[in-house]
Amino acid sequence: QVQLVESGGGLVQAGGSLRLSCAASGSIFSGNVMGWYRQAPGKQRELVADITSGGRNYADSVKGRFTISRDNAKNTVYLQMNSLKPEDTAVYHCNLKWGFDVYWGQGTQVTVSS
């Protein structure tokens, strides 16, 4: 089993920045994919960014503003969010995939005021 714990959400004005962290614990194997998804009220959950040893992948809506990184020694993934917009308001969920196994964190609220 894998546990994911997110932190770093909050309220910020448009144009501001936040940094999300997600610490993974449990049975973690190399080669996994870690990432961030978000879900706004009334909308489907969508991929924000993910990262593997092979590279990073971003949603078009966040390219150039968000940066995903990971510290494998700490089993932690980060999401640096700059130039935040009101439309970035959502619950952000950490995600870890390894083979057919998928794990989710509880989520952290990000609210961007205009």
N, C-alpha and C. Protein backbone atom coordinates (compact mmCIF):
# COMPACT_ATOMS: atom_id res chain seq x y z
N GLN A 1 0.83 -1.20 0.00
CA GLN A 1 0.00 0.00 0.00
C GLN A 1 0.86 1.25 0.00
N VAL A 2 0.30 2.30 -0.56
CA VAL A 2 0.99 3.59 -0.64
C VAL A 2 0.08 4.66 -0.05
N GLN A 3 0.66 5.53 0.73
CA GLN A 3 -0.09 6.67 1.27
C GLN A 3 0.52 7.95 0.70
N LEU A 4 -0.36 8.87 0.32
CA LEU A 4 0.06 10.15 -0.24
C LEU A 4 -0.53 11.26 0.61
N VAL A 5 0.32 12.18 1.04
CA VAL A 5 -0.13 13.30 1.87
C VAL A 5 0.31 14.61 1.22
N GLU A 6 -0.70 15.42 0.86
CA GLU A 6 -0.42 16.70 0.21
C GLU A 6 -0.37 17.82 1.23
N SER A 7 0.34 18.87 0.86
CA SER A 7 0.37 20.09 1.68
C SER A 7 0.69 21.26 0.77
N GLY A 8 0.41 22.47 1.27
CA GLY A 8 0.81 23.66 0.56
C GLY A 8 -0.30 24.44 -0.11
N GLY A 9 -1.52 23.95 -0.06
CA GLY A 9 -2.62 24.69 -0.66
C GLY A 9 -2.96 25.92 0.16
N GLY A 10 -3.89 26.72 -0.36
CA GLY A 10 -4.30 27.91 0.36
C GLY A 10 -4.98 28.91 -0.54
N LEU A 11 -5.12 30.12 -0.01
CA LEU A 11 -5.75 31.22 -0.73
C LEU A 11 -4.68 32.19 -1.18
N VAL A 12 -4.75 32.58 -2.45
CA VAL A 12 -3.76 33.50 -3.00
C VAL A 12 -4.44 34.42 -4.00
N GLN A 13 -3.91 35.60 -4.16
CA GLN A 13 -4.45 36.52 -5.17
C GLN A 13 -3.96 36.14 -6.55
N ALA A 14 -4.71 36.53 -7.55
CA ALA A 14 -4.30 36.29 -8.93
C ALA A 14 -2.91 36.89 -9.16
N GLY A 15 -2.09 36.13 -9.88
CA GLY A 15 -0.71 36.55 -10.11
C GLY A 15 0.27 36.04 -9.09
N GLY A 16 -0.25 35.48 -8.00
CA GLY A 16 0.60 34.97 -6.93
C GLY A 16 1.11 33.58 -7.20
N SER A 17 1.79 33.03 -6.19
CA SER A 17 2.41 31.72 -6.33
C SER A 17 2.09 30.84 -5.12
N LEU A 18 2.09 29.56 -5.36
CA LEU A 18 1.98 28.55 -4.30
C LEU A 18 2.86 27.37 -4.68
N ARG A 19 3.30 26.65 -3.66
CA ARG A 19 4.06 25.41 -3.91
C ARG A 19 3.39 24.28 -3.16
N LEU A 20 2.97 23.27 -3.92
CA LEU A 20 2.36 22.09 -3.34
C LEU A 20 3.41 20.99 -3.17
N SER A 21 3.25 20.22 -2.11
CA SER A 21 4.13 19.08 -1.87
C SER A 21 3.28 17.84 -1.65
N CYS A 22 3.82 16.71 -2.03
CA CYS A 22 3.14 15.43 -1.81
C CYS A 22 4.18 14.41 -1.40
N ALA A 23 4.05 13.92 -0.18
CA ALA A 23 4.98 12.92 0.34
C ALA A 23 4.34 11.54 0.26
N ALA A 24 5.05 10.61 -0.34
CA ALA A 24 4.57 9.24 -0.47
C ALA A 24 5.26 8.35 0.54
N SER A 25 4.51 7.43 1.10
CA SER A 25 5.08 6.45 2.03
C SER A 25 4.46 5.10 1.77
N GLY A 26 5.14 4.06 2.23
CA GLY A 26 4.63 2.71 2.03
C GLY A 26 5.50 1.94 1.05
N SER A 27 4.87 1.06 0.29
CA SER A 27 5.59 0.20 -0.66
C SER A 27 5.75 0.93 -1.99
N ILE A 28 6.86 1.64 -2.12
CA ILE A 28 7.11 2.45 -3.30
C ILE A 28 8.25 1.84 -4.09
N PHE A 29 8.01 1.63 -5.37
CA PHE A 29 9.00 1.03 -6.23
C PHE A 29 9.46 2.03 -7.28
N SER A 30 10.67 1.88 -7.72
CA SER A 30 11.19 2.80 -8.73
C SER A 30 10.43 2.61 -10.04
N GLY A 31 10.50 3.63 -10.87
CA GLY A 31 9.81 3.57 -12.14
C GLY A 31 8.36 4.03 -12.07
N ASN A 32 7.93 4.54 -10.93
CA ASN A 32 6.55 4.99 -10.83
C ASN A 32 6.39 6.36 -11.47
N VAL A 33 5.13 6.72 -11.73
CA VAL A 33 4.77 8.03 -12.25
C VAL A 33 4.08 8.78 -11.12
N MET A 34 4.55 9.96 -10.82
CA MET A 34 3.88 10.81 -9.83
C MET A 34 3.38 12.06 -10.51
N GLY A 35 2.25 12.53 -10.05
CA GLY A 35 1.68 13.69 -10.72
C GLY A 35 0.64 14.40 -9.88
N TRP A 36 0.09 15.43 -10.47
CA TRP A 36 -0.94 16.25 -9.85
C TRP A 36 -2.14 16.34 -10.80
N TYR A 37 -3.30 16.15 -10.21
CA TYR A 37 -4.57 16.36 -10.90
C TYR A 37 -5.33 17.42 -10.12
N ARG A 38 -6.32 18.00 -10.77
CA ARG A 38 -7.17 18.95 -10.06
C ARG A 38 -8.62 18.77 -10.47
N GLN A 39 -9.50 19.16 -9.55
CA GLN A 39 -10.93 19.08 -9.82
C GLN A 39 -11.60 20.32 -9.28
N ALA A 40 -12.18 21.08 -10.19
CA ALA A 40 -12.93 22.27 -9.83
C ALA A 40 -14.40 21.89 -9.65
N PRO A 41 -15.18 22.68 -8.90
CA PRO A 41 -16.59 22.35 -8.69
C PRO A 41 -17.34 22.20 -10.01
N GLY A 42 -18.05 21.10 -10.14
CA GLY A 42 -18.85 20.86 -11.34
C GLY A 42 -18.06 20.41 -12.55
N LYS A 43 -16.77 20.17 -12.36
CA LYS A 43 -15.94 19.75 -13.49
C LYS A 43 -15.29 18.40 -13.20
N GLN A 44 -14.83 17.76 -14.26
CA GLN A 44 -14.14 16.49 -14.10
C GLN A 44 -12.71 16.72 -13.62
N ARG A 45 -12.18 15.69 -12.97
CA ARG A 45 -10.79 15.76 -12.56
C ARG A 45 -9.90 15.74 -13.81
N GLU A 46 -8.88 16.60 -13.82
CA GLU A 46 -8.01 16.69 -14.99
C GLU A 46 -6.55 16.64 -14.57
N LEU A 47 -5.73 16.14 -15.47
CA LEU A 47 -4.29 16.10 -15.24
C LEU A 47 -3.73 17.52 -15.30
N VAL A 48 -2.90 17.85 -14.32
CA VAL A 48 -2.18 19.12 -14.33
C VAL A 48 -0.76 18.88 -14.84
N ALA A 49 -0.08 17.92 -14.22
CA ALA A 49 1.29 17.61 -14.62
C ALA A 49 1.69 16.27 -14.01
N ASP A 50 2.58 15.56 -14.71
CA ASP A 50 3.16 14.37 -14.11
C ASP A 50 4.64 14.27 -14.49
N ILE A 51 5.33 13.38 -13.76
CA ILE A 51 6.78 13.31 -13.94
C ILE A 51 7.24 11.88 -13.75
N THR A 52 8.13 11.46 -14.64
CA THR A 52 8.79 10.18 -14.54
C THR A 52 10.29 10.42 -14.72
N SER A 53 11.04 9.35 -14.69
CA SER A 53 12.48 9.49 -14.94
C SER A 53 12.73 9.94 -16.37
N GLY A 54 11.71 9.75 -17.23
CA GLY A 54 11.87 10.10 -18.63
C GLY A 54 11.47 11.51 -19.00
N GLY A 55 10.80 12.19 -18.10
CA GLY A 55 10.41 13.55 -18.44
C GLY A 55 9.19 14.02 -17.71
N ARG A 56 8.73 15.21 -18.14
CA ARG A 56 7.58 15.86 -17.51
C ARG A 56 6.49 16.09 -18.55
N ASN A 57 5.26 16.11 -18.08
CA ASN A 57 4.13 16.31 -18.96
C ASN A 57 3.21 17.33 -18.30
N TYR A 58 2.76 18.33 -19.07
CA TYR A 58 1.92 19.40 -18.51
C TYR A 58 0.64 19.56 -19.33
N ALA A 59 -0.41 19.95 -18.63
CA ALA A 59 -1.61 20.37 -19.33
C ALA A 59 -1.31 21.69 -20.04
N ASP A 60 -1.92 21.90 -21.20
CA ASP A 60 -1.68 23.13 -21.96
C ASP A 60 -1.99 24.37 -21.13
N SER A 61 -3.00 24.27 -20.27
CA SER A 61 -3.45 25.44 -19.52
C SER A 61 -2.44 25.91 -18.47
N VAL A 62 -1.46 25.06 -18.13
CA VAL A 62 -0.50 25.45 -17.09
C VAL A 62 0.93 25.55 -17.61
N LYS A 63 1.14 25.22 -18.86
CA LYS A 63 2.50 25.29 -19.42
C LYS A 63 3.06 26.70 -19.29
N GLY A 64 4.31 26.76 -18.86
CA GLY A 64 4.96 28.06 -18.68
C GLY A 64 4.69 28.72 -17.34
N ARG A 65 3.73 28.20 -16.59
CA ARG A 65 3.39 28.78 -15.29
C ARG A 65 3.68 27.81 -14.14
N PHE A 66 3.46 26.52 -14.37
CA PHE A 66 3.65 25.51 -13.33
C PHE A 66 4.89 24.68 -13.64
N THR A 67 5.55 24.22 -12.58
CA THR A 67 6.70 23.34 -12.73
C THR A 67 6.58 22.19 -11.75
N ILE A 68 6.67 20.97 -12.28
CA ILE A 68 6.64 19.79 -11.43
C ILE A 68 8.06 19.27 -11.25
N SER A 69 8.35 18.81 -10.04
CA SER A 69 9.66 18.23 -9.76
C SER A 69 9.49 17.14 -8.71
N ARG A 70 10.51 16.33 -8.55
CA ARG A 70 10.43 15.27 -7.54
C ARG A 70 11.78 15.05 -6.90
N ASP A 71 11.73 14.60 -5.66
CA ASP A 71 12.92 14.20 -4.91
C ASP A 71 12.75 12.73 -4.61
N ASN A 72 13.42 11.88 -5.38
CA ASN A 72 13.23 10.44 -5.22
C ASN A 72 13.72 9.95 -3.86
N ALA A 73 14.74 10.59 -3.32
CA ALA A 73 15.25 10.17 -2.01
C ALA A 73 14.20 10.37 -0.92
N LYS A 74 13.34 11.37 -1.11
CA LYS A 74 12.30 11.66 -0.12
C LYS A 74 10.93 11.15 -0.57
N ASN A 75 10.86 10.53 -1.76
CA ASN A 75 9.57 10.09 -2.30
C ASN A 75 8.54 11.22 -2.28
N THR A 76 8.98 12.38 -2.71
CA THR A 76 8.15 13.57 -2.68
C THR A 76 8.10 14.23 -4.05
N VAL A 77 6.91 14.68 -4.41
CA VAL A 77 6.73 15.41 -5.66
C VAL A 77 6.22 16.81 -5.32
N TYR A 78 6.66 17.78 -6.08
CA TYR A 78 6.32 19.17 -5.84
C TYR A 78 5.64 19.76 -7.08
N LEU A 79 4.83 20.78 -6.83
CA LEU A 79 4.24 21.53 -7.93
C LEU A 79 4.39 23.01 -7.59
N GLN A 80 5.28 23.67 -8.30
CA GLN A 80 5.45 25.11 -8.15
C GLN A 80 4.48 25.80 -9.10
N MET A 81 3.60 26.61 -8.54
CA MET A 81 2.56 27.26 -9.34
C MET A 81 2.77 28.76 -9.30
N ASN A 82 3.08 29.34 -10.43
CA ASN A 82 3.30 30.78 -10.54
C ASN A 82 2.23 31.40 -11.44
N SER A 83 2.11 32.71 -11.36
CA SER A 83 1.15 33.45 -12.19
C SER A 83 -0.23 32.82 -12.10
N LEU A 84 -0.66 32.53 -10.90
CA LEU A 84 -1.93 31.85 -10.71
C LEU A 84 -3.10 32.70 -11.18
N LYS A 85 -4.11 32.00 -11.71
CA LYS A 85 -5.32 32.63 -12.24
C LYS A 85 -6.53 32.11 -11.47
N PRO A 86 -7.62 32.86 -11.45
CA PRO A 86 -8.83 32.36 -10.78
C PRO A 86 -9.28 31.00 -11.30
N GLU A 87 -9.06 30.74 -12.57
CA GLU A 87 -9.47 29.46 -13.13
C GLU A 87 -8.60 28.29 -12.67
N ASP A 88 -7.53 28.57 -11.94
CA ASP A 88 -6.73 27.51 -11.33
C ASP A 88 -7.34 27.02 -10.02
N THR A 89 -8.39 27.69 -9.56
CA THR A 89 -9.04 27.30 -8.32
C THR A 89 -9.61 25.89 -8.44
N ALA A 90 -9.21 25.02 -7.51
CA ALA A 90 -9.63 23.62 -7.55
C ALA A 90 -9.05 22.91 -6.33
N VAL A 91 -9.50 21.67 -6.15
CA VAL A 91 -8.83 20.77 -5.21
C VAL A 91 -7.76 20.02 -6.01
N TYR A 92 -6.55 20.09 -5.53
CA TYR A 92 -5.42 19.46 -6.21
C TYR A 92 -5.09 18.14 -5.51
N HIS A 93 -5.06 17.08 -6.31
CA HIS A 93 -4.81 15.74 -5.79
C HIS A 93 -3.48 15.21 -6.30
N CYS A 94 -2.71 14.65 -5.39
CA CYS A 94 -1.48 13.95 -5.77
C CYS A 94 -1.84 12.55 -6.25
N ASN A 95 -1.05 12.03 -7.17
CA ASN A 95 -1.33 10.74 -7.78
C ASN A 95 -0.03 9.98 -7.98
N LEU A 96 -0.06 8.69 -7.72
CA LEU A 96 1.10 7.83 -7.98
C LEU A 96 0.62 6.60 -8.73
N LYS A 97 1.27 6.29 -9.84
CA LYS A 97 0.95 5.11 -10.63
C LYS A 97 2.18 4.23 -10.74
N TRP A 98 1.95 2.93 -10.54
CA TRP A 98 3.03 1.95 -10.74
C TRP A 98 2.39 0.69 -11.28
N GLY A 99 2.66 0.42 -12.53
CA GLY A 99 2.00 -0.71 -13.17
C GLY A 99 0.50 -0.44 -13.23
N PHE A 100 -0.29 -1.38 -12.74
CA PHE A 100 -1.74 -1.23 -12.73
C PHE A 100 -2.26 -0.60 -11.44
N ASP A 101 -1.39 -0.31 -10.52
CA ASP A 101 -1.78 0.27 -9.23
C ASP A 101 -1.81 1.79 -9.33
N VAL A 102 -2.88 2.39 -8.82
CA VAL A 102 -3.04 3.84 -8.82
C VAL A 102 -3.43 4.28 -7.41
N TYR A 103 -2.76 5.28 -6.91
CA TYR A 103 -3.03 5.80 -5.57
C TYR A 103 -3.29 7.30 -5.64
N TRP A 104 -4.17 7.76 -4.73
CA TRP A 104 -4.55 9.16 -4.68
C TRP A 104 -4.38 9.71 -3.27
N GLY A 105 -4.02 10.98 -3.21
CA GLY A 105 -4.05 11.70 -1.95
C GLY A 105 -5.43 12.27 -1.71
N GLN A 106 -5.62 12.81 -0.52
CA GLN A 106 -6.93 13.35 -0.14
C GLN A 106 -7.23 14.67 -0.83
N GLY A 107 -6.21 15.37 -1.23
CA GLY A 107 -6.41 16.64 -1.93
C GLY A 107 -6.14 17.84 -1.05
N THR A 108 -5.74 18.92 -1.69
CA THR A 108 -5.52 20.19 -0.99
C THR A 108 -6.17 21.30 -1.81
N GLN A 109 -6.87 22.18 -1.12
CA GLN A 109 -7.62 23.23 -1.81
C GLN A 109 -6.71 24.38 -2.21
N VAL A 110 -6.83 24.79 -3.45
CA VAL A 110 -6.15 26.00 -3.94
C VAL A 110 -7.23 26.96 -4.41
N THR A 111 -7.24 28.16 -3.85
CA THR A 111 -8.22 29.17 -4.22
C THR A 111 -7.48 30.43 -4.65
N VAL A 112 -7.79 30.87 -5.86
CA VAL A 112 -7.16 32.07 -6.41
C VAL A 112 -8.22 33.14 -6.55
N SER A 113 -8.03 34.23 -5.85
CA SER A 113 -9.00 35.34 -5.90
C SER A 113 -8.61 36.35 -6.97
N SER A 114 -9.63 36.96 -7.56
CA SER A 114 -9.36 37.93 -8.64
C SER A 114 -9.20 39.34 -8.09
